Amino acid sequence: MPEFEVPIIEGVDVSAEGGILRVSGPKGELKREFGVSRVKMSKKDGKLVLSVDSERRKDQALLGTWRSHFRNMMTGVTKGYACNLKLIYAHFPIKLEVQGGRLLIKNFLGERSSREADILKGVEVKVEGDIVRLSGIDKEKVGQTAANIESATKVKGFDRRVFQDGLYVMEKTAPPEVS
């Protein structure tokens, strides 16, 4: 019977009940529902124990996936995640504006209408000159917001080798600690 033991980081509270994993820490709380009933979760001696009754490779791979999700959740509630995007333009000056749950990209390639990118709930967006900084506790939401912004500035109908304007992921880091 394969099983993984993942140590719980100090300052993090974990509860695993009925396929729902809740992780809370100093930065907030994350909840994730795992729909597969073959994998069992339990908390023992400051560790989260993931186990499965089967020897199938698919089930063992699922254990590894769940372990990674749990580690990402612990890192998110303790340190958080950040992503920096760089604004590149050569033809027309681009203006960026955060408006509610959207990032407005104005004057992209001289277009009259502005392009929009969805900002997922729980992700903070700051525009500092030609850098867009994303931060949040959920790794998947931060990454998906960065992908939304990149895809909103995809150049269509022009030669990509010439028109390289857009917003591109520059780096993915943990945000600096603010005291």
C-alpha atoms as a PDB file:
ATOM      1  CA  MET A   1       0.000   0.000   0.000  1.00  0.00           C
ATOM      2  CA  PRO A   2       1.867   3.129  -1.197  1.00  0.00           C
ATOM      3  CA  GLU A   3       1.739   6.175   1.012  1.00  0.00           C
ATOM      4  CA  PHE A   4       3.388   9.601   1.247  1.00  0.00           C
ATOM      5  CA  GLU A   5       4.052  11.532   4.428  1.00  0.00           C
ATOM      6  CA  VAL A   6       4.369  15.285   3.931  1.00  0.00           C
ATOM      7  CA  PRO A   7       5.606  17.309   6.921  1.00  0.00           C
ATOM      8  CA  ILE A   8       3.377  20.254   7.793  1.00  0.00           C
ATOM      9  CA  ILE A   9       5.209  23.598   7.969  1.00  0.00           C
ATOM     10  CA  GLU A  10       5.189  25.328  11.359  1.00  0.00           C
ATOM     11  CA  GLY A  11       2.438  27.939  11.603  1.00  0.00           C
ATOM     12  CA  VAL A  12       0.190  26.137   9.102  1.00  0.00           C
ATOM     13  CA  ASP A  13      -3.105  24.536  10.118  1.00  0.00           C
ATOM     14  CA  VAL A  14      -4.356  21.614   8.008  1.00  0.00           C
ATOM     15  CA  SER A  15      -7.669  19.780   8.007  1.00  0.00           C
ATOM     16  CA  ALA A  16      -8.542  16.909   5.675  1.00  0.00           C
ATOM     17  CA  GLU A  17     -12.137  15.710   5.697  1.00  0.00           C
ATOM     18  CA  GLY A  18     -14.105  13.892   3.022  1.00  0.00           C
ATOM     19  CA  GLY A  19     -11.784  14.679   0.127  1.00  0.00           C
ATOM     20  CA  ILE A  20     -11.599  18.386   1.018  1.00  0.00           C
ATOM     21  CA  LEU A  21      -8.239  19.770   2.105  1.00  0.00           C
ATOM     22  CA  ARG A  22      -8.107  23.081   3.969  1.00  0.00           C
ATOM     23  CA  VAL A  23      -4.777  24.797   4.583  1.00  0.00           C
ATOM     24  CA  SER A  24      -4.577  28.042   6.547  1.00  0.00           C
ATOM     25  CA  GLY A  25      -1.575  30.115   7.501  1.00  0.00           C
ATOM     26  CA  PRO A  26      -0.441  33.672   8.152  1.00  0.00           C
ATOM     27  CA  LYS A  27      -1.352  34.922   4.631  1.00  0.00           C
ATOM     28  CA  GLY A  28      -4.795  33.328   4.377  1.00  0.00           C
ATOM     29  CA  GLU A  29      -6.669  30.099   3.768  1.00  0.00           C
ATOM     30  CA  LEU A  30      -6.889  27.808   0.747  1.00  0.00           C
ATOM     31  CA  LYS A  31      -9.426  25.048   0.179  1.00  0.00           C
ATOM     32  CA  ARG A  32      -9.223  22.346  -2.462  1.00  0.00           C
ATOM     33  CA  GLU A  33     -11.616  19.520  -3.204  1.00  0.00           C
ATOM     34  CA  PHE A  34     -10.098  16.289  -4.446  1.00  0.00           C
ATOM     35  CA  GLY A  35     -12.761  14.281  -6.257  1.00  0.00           C
ATOM     36  CA  VAL A  36     -11.056  10.873  -6.287  1.00  0.00           C
ATOM     37  CA  SER A  37     -12.190   8.663  -3.432  1.00  0.00           C
ATOM     38  CA  ARG A  38      -9.386   6.080  -3.848  1.00  0.00           C
ATOM     39  CA  VAL A  39      -6.862   8.368  -2.157  1.00  0.00           C
ATOM     40  CA  LYS A  40      -7.167   8.741   1.609  1.00  0.00           C
ATOM     41  CA  MET A  41      -5.896  11.767   3.549  1.00  0.00           C
ATOM     42  CA  SER A  42      -5.191  11.844   7.263  1.00  0.00           C
ATOM     43  CA  LYS A  43      -3.197  13.950   9.696  1.00  0.00           C
ATOM     44  CA  LYS A  44      -0.709  12.207  12.023  1.00  0.00           C
ATOM     45  CA  ASP A  45       2.120  13.574  14.184  1.00  0.00           C
ATOM     46  CA  GLY A  46       2.485  16.892  12.365  1.00  0.00           C
ATOM     47  CA  LYS A  47       2.374  15.246   8.930  1.00  0.00           C
ATOM     48  CA  LEU A  48      -0.245  14.823   6.249  1.00  0.00           C
ATOM     49  CA  VAL A  49      -0.432  11.169   5.197  1.00  0.00           C
ATOM     50  CA  LEU A  50      -1.662  10.410   1.676  1.00  0.00           C
ATOM     51  CA  SER A  51      -2.346   6.756   0.930  1.00  0.00           C
ATOM     52  CA  VAL A  52      -4.051   4.557  -1.629  1.00  0.00           C
ATOM     53  CA  ASP A  53      -5.136   0.913  -1.391  1.00  0.00           C
ATOM     54  CA  SER A  54      -4.127   0.056  -4.949  1.00  0.00           C
ATOM     55  CA  GLU A  55      -0.720  -0.726  -6.455  1.00  0.00           C
ATOM     56  CA  ARG A  56      -1.706   0.730  -9.857  1.00  0.00           C
ATOM     57  CA  ARG A  57       0.739   3.223 -11.337  1.00  0.00           C
ATOM     58  CA  LYS A  58      -2.057   5.701 -12.043  1.00  0.00           C
ATOM     59  CA  ASP A  59      -3.014   5.762  -8.371  1.00  0.00           C
ATOM     60  CA  GLN A  60       0.620   6.201  -7.299  1.00  0.00           C
ATOM     61  CA  ALA A  61       0.978   9.066  -9.782  1.00  0.00           C
ATOM     62  CA  LEU A  62      -2.160  10.607  -8.289  1.00  0.00           C
ATOM     63  CA  LEU A  63      -0.508  10.510  -4.853  1.00  0.00           C
ATOM     64  CA  GLY A  64       2.437  12.492  -6.211  1.00  0.00           C
ATOM     65  CA  THR A  65       0.095  15.047  -7.766  1.00  0.00           C
ATOM     66  CA  TRP A  66      -1.809  15.520  -4.530  1.00  0.00           C
ATOM     67  CA  ARG A  67       1.452  15.854  -2.606  1.00  0.00           C
ATOM     68  CA  SER A  68       2.564  18.653  -4.961  1.00  0.00           C
ATOM     69  CA  HIS A  69      -0.779  20.442  -4.602  1.00  0.00           C
ATOM     70  CA  PHE A  70      -0.489  20.246  -0.816  1.00  0.00           C
ATOM     71  CA  ARG A  71       3.074  21.611  -0.817  1.00  0.00           C
ATOM     72  CA  ASN A  72       2.007  24.458  -3.135  1.00  0.00           C
ATOM     73  CA  MET A  73      -0.878  25.287  -0.800  1.00  0.00           C
ATOM     74  CA  MET A  74       1.451  25.387   2.234  1.00  0.00           C
ATOM     75  CA  THR A  75       3.928  27.627   0.402  1.00  0.00           C
ATOM     76  CA  GLY A  76       1.075  29.898  -0.697  1.00  0.00           C
ATOM     77  CA  VAL A  77      -0.334  30.478   2.795  1.00  0.00           C
ATOM     78  CA  THR A  78       3.139  31.099   4.272  1.00  0.00           C
ATOM     79  CA  LYS A  79       5.110  32.937   1.558  1.00  0.00           C
ATOM     80  CA  GLY A  80       2.709  33.524  -1.340  1.00  0.00           C
ATOM     81  CA  TYR A  81       3.426  33.581  -5.065  1.00  0.00           C
ATOM     82  CA  ALA A  82       4.331  36.389  -7.433  1.00  0.00           C
ATOM     83  CA  CYS A  83       4.790  36.861 -11.157  1.00  0.00           C
ATOM     84  CA  ASN A  84       6.235  39.855 -13.001  1.00  0.00           C
ATOM     85  CA  LEU A  85       5.267  40.695 -16.567  1.00  0.00           C
ATOM     86  CA  LYS A  86       7.158  43.179 -18.742  1.00  0.00           C
ATOM     87  CA  LEU A  87       5.463  45.507 -21.190  1.00  0.00           C
ATOM     88  CA  ILE A  88       7.222  45.576 -24.563  1.00  0.00           C
ATOM     89  CA  TYR A  89       6.243  47.959 -27.364  1.00  0.00           C
ATOM     90  CA  ALA A  90       8.024  49.488 -30.338  1.00  0.00           C
ATOM     91  CA  HIS A  91       5.222  50.951 -32.411  1.00  0.00           C
ATOM     92  CA  PHE A  92       2.586  52.608 -30.210  1.00  0.00           C
ATOM     93  CA  PRO A  93       2.839  53.506 -26.505  1.00  0.00           C
ATOM     94  CA  ILE A  94       0.637  51.148 -24.500  1.00  0.00           C
ATOM     95  CA  LYS A  95      -1.255  52.267 -21.390  1.00  0.00           C
ATOM     96  CA  LEU A  96      -2.285  49.830 -18.667  1.00  0.00           C
ATOM     97  CA  GLU A  97      -5.083  50.334 -16.170  1.00  0.00           C
ATOM     98  CA  VAL A  98      -6.576  48.062 -13.518  1.00  0.00           C
ATOM     99  CA  GLN A  99     -10.358  48.423 -13.421  1.00  0.00           C
ATOM    100  CA  GLY A 100     -12.233  46.122 -11.087  1.00  0.00           C
ATOM    101  CA  GLY A 101     -11.490  42.530 -12.011  1.00  0.00           C
ATOM    102  CA  ARG A 102      -9.903  43.410 -15.368  1.00  0.00           C
ATOM    103  CA  LEU A 103      -6.654  44.783 -16.721  1.00  0.00           C
ATOM    104  CA  LEU A 104      -7.316  47.229 -19.566  1.00  0.00           C
ATOM    105  CA  ILE A 105      -4.632  47.384 -22.254  1.00  0.00           C
ATOM    106  CA  LYS A 106      -5.118  50.630 -24.163  1.00  0.00           C
ATOM    107  CA  ASN A 107      -3.616  51.651 -27.530  1.00  0.00           C
ATOM    108  CA  PHE A 108      -2.191  48.192 -28.236  1.00  0.00           C
ATOM    109  CA  LEU A 109      -0.811  48.344 -31.802  1.00  0.00           C
ATOM    110  CA  GLY A 110      -2.764  51.586 -32.232  1.00  0.00           C
ATOM    111  CA  GLU A 111      -6.142  49.889 -31.805  1.00  0.00           C
ATOM    112  CA  ARG A 112      -8.977  52.196 -30.802  1.00  0.00           C
ATOM    113  CA  SER A 113     -10.707  49.729 -28.539  1.00  0.00           C
ATOM    114  CA  SER A 114      -8.867  48.520 -25.476  1.00  0.00           C
ATOM    115  CA  ARG A 115      -8.092  44.869 -24.859  1.00  0.00           C
ATOM    116  CA  GLU A 116      -9.069  43.278 -21.559  1.00  0.00           C
ATOM    117  CA  ALA A 117      -7.594  40.513 -19.441  1.00  0.00           C
ATOM    118  CA  ASP A 118      -9.446  38.864 -16.553  1.00  0.00           C
ATOM    119  CA  ILE A 119      -7.899  39.087 -13.097  1.00  0.00           C
ATOM    120  CA  LEU A 120      -8.935  36.093 -11.011  1.00  0.00           C
ATOM    121  CA  LYS A 121     -10.272  36.584  -7.499  1.00  0.00           C
ATOM    122  CA  GLY A 122      -7.520  36.567  -4.885  1.00  0.00           C
ATOM    123  CA  VAL A 123      -4.816  37.943  -7.210  1.00  0.00           C
ATOM    124  CA  GLU A 124      -3.450  41.432  -6.597  1.00  0.00           C
ATOM    125  CA  VAL A 125      -2.250  43.379  -9.661  1.00  0.00           C
ATOM    126  CA  LYS A 126       0.031  46.420  -9.522  1.00  0.00           C
ATOM    127  CA  VAL A 127       1.173  48.383 -12.567  1.00  0.00           C
ATOM    128  CA  GLU A 128       4.570  50.050 -12.018  1.00  0.00           C
ATOM    129  CA  GLY A 129       5.736  51.717 -15.228  1.00  0.00           C
ATOM    130  CA  ASP A 130       6.379  48.942 -17.749  1.00  0.00           C
ATOM    131  CA  ILE A 131       6.216  46.156 -15.124  1.00  0.00           C
ATOM    132  CA  VAL A 132       2.989  44.426 -14.054  1.00  0.00           C
ATOM    133  CA  ARG A 133       3.309  42.667 -10.698  1.00  0.00           C
ATOM    134  CA  LEU A 134       0.913  39.862  -9.773  1.00  0.00           C
ATOM    135  CA  SER A 135       0.781  38.357  -6.287  1.00  0.00           C
ATOM    136  CA  GLY A 136      -1.471  35.983  -4.389  1.00  0.00           C
ATOM    137  CA  ILE A 137      -1.563  32.864  -2.255  1.00  0.00           C
ATOM    138  CA  ASP A 138      -2.969  30.477  -4.887  1.00  0.00           C
ATOM    139  CA  LYS A 139      -0.280  29.431  -7.381  1.00  0.00           C
ATOM    140  CA  GLU A 140      -2.796  28.358 -10.014  1.00  0.00           C
ATOM    141  CA  LYS A 141      -4.739  31.632  -9.928  1.00  0.00           C
ATOM    142  CA  VAL A 142      -1.590  33.762 -10.161  1.00  0.00           C
ATOM    143  CA  GLY A 143      -0.377  31.680 -13.120  1.00  0.00           C
ATOM    144  CA  GLN A 144      -3.761  31.752 -14.853  1.00  0.00           C
ATOM    145  CA  THR A 145      -4.009  35.535 -14.486  1.00  0.00           C
ATOM    146  CA  ALA A 146      -0.538  35.881 -16.047  1.00  0.00           C
ATOM    147  CA  ALA A 147      -1.657  33.621 -18.909  1.00  0.00           C
ATOM    148  CA  ASN A 148      -4.829  35.705 -19.387  1.00  0.00           C
ATOM    149  CA  ILE A 149      -2.751  38.882 -19.670  1.00  0.00           C
ATOM    150  CA  GLU A 150      -0.267  37.313 -22.091  1.00  0.00           C
ATOM    151  CA  SER A 151      -3.003  35.918 -24.323  1.00  0.00           C
ATOM    152  CA  ALA A 152      -4.876  39.260 -24.357  1.00  0.00           C
ATOM    153  CA  THR A 153      -1.834  40.871 -25.981  1.00  0.00           C
ATOM    154  CA  LYS A 154      -1.238  38.173 -28.571  1.00  0.00           C
ATOM    155  CA  VAL A 155      -0.531  39.708 -31.972  1.00  0.00           C
ATOM    156  CA  LYS A 156      -2.807  38.398 -34.726  1.00  0.00           C
ATOM    157  CA  GLY A 157      -2.606  39.187 -38.417  1.00  0.00           C
ATOM    158  CA  PHE A 158       0.938  40.572 -38.303  1.00  0.00           C
ATOM    159  CA  ASP A 159       4.376  39.009 -38.582  1.00  0.00           C
ATOM    160  CA  ARG A 160       5.373  37.994 -35.010  1.00  0.00           C
ATOM    161  CA  ARG A 161       9.037  38.506 -35.866  1.00  0.00           C
ATOM    162  CA  VAL A 162       8.412  42.205 -36.534  1.00  0.00           C
ATOM    163  CA  PHE A 163       5.520  42.994 -34.170  1.00  0.00           C
ATOM    164  CA  GLN A 164       6.761  41.721 -30.815  1.00  0.00           C
ATOM    165  CA  ASP A 165       4.637  44.114 -28.775  1.00  0.00           C
ATOM    166  CA  GLY A 166       2.857  42.692 -25.744  1.00  0.00           C
ATOM    167  CA  LEU A 167       3.105  41.721 -22.096  1.00  0.00           C
ATOM    168  CA  TYR A 168       5.394  38.778 -21.365  1.00  0.00           C
ATOM    169  CA  VAL A 169       6.141  36.827 -18.182  1.00  0.00           C
ATOM    170  CA  MET A 170       9.560  37.975 -17.045  1.00  0.00           C
ATOM    171  CA  GLU A 171       9.958  36.070 -13.778  1.00  0.00           C
ATOM    172  CA  LYS A 172       8.068  34.031 -11.234  1.00  0.00           C
ATOM    173  CA  THR A 173       9.145  34.581  -7.652  1.00  0.00           C
ATOM    174  CA  ALA A 174       8.018  34.648  -4.073  1.00  0.00           C
ATOM    175  CA  PRO A 175       6.961  38.189  -3.151  1.00  0.00           C
ATOM    176  CA  PRO A 176       9.287  40.146  -0.861  1.00  0.00           C
ATOM    177  CA  GLU A 177       8.433  39.984   2.802  1.00  0.00           C
ATOM    178  CA  VAL A 178       6.637  43.113   3.979  1.00  0.00           C
ATOM    179  CA  SER A 179       6.934  43.871   7.668  1.00  0.00           C
END
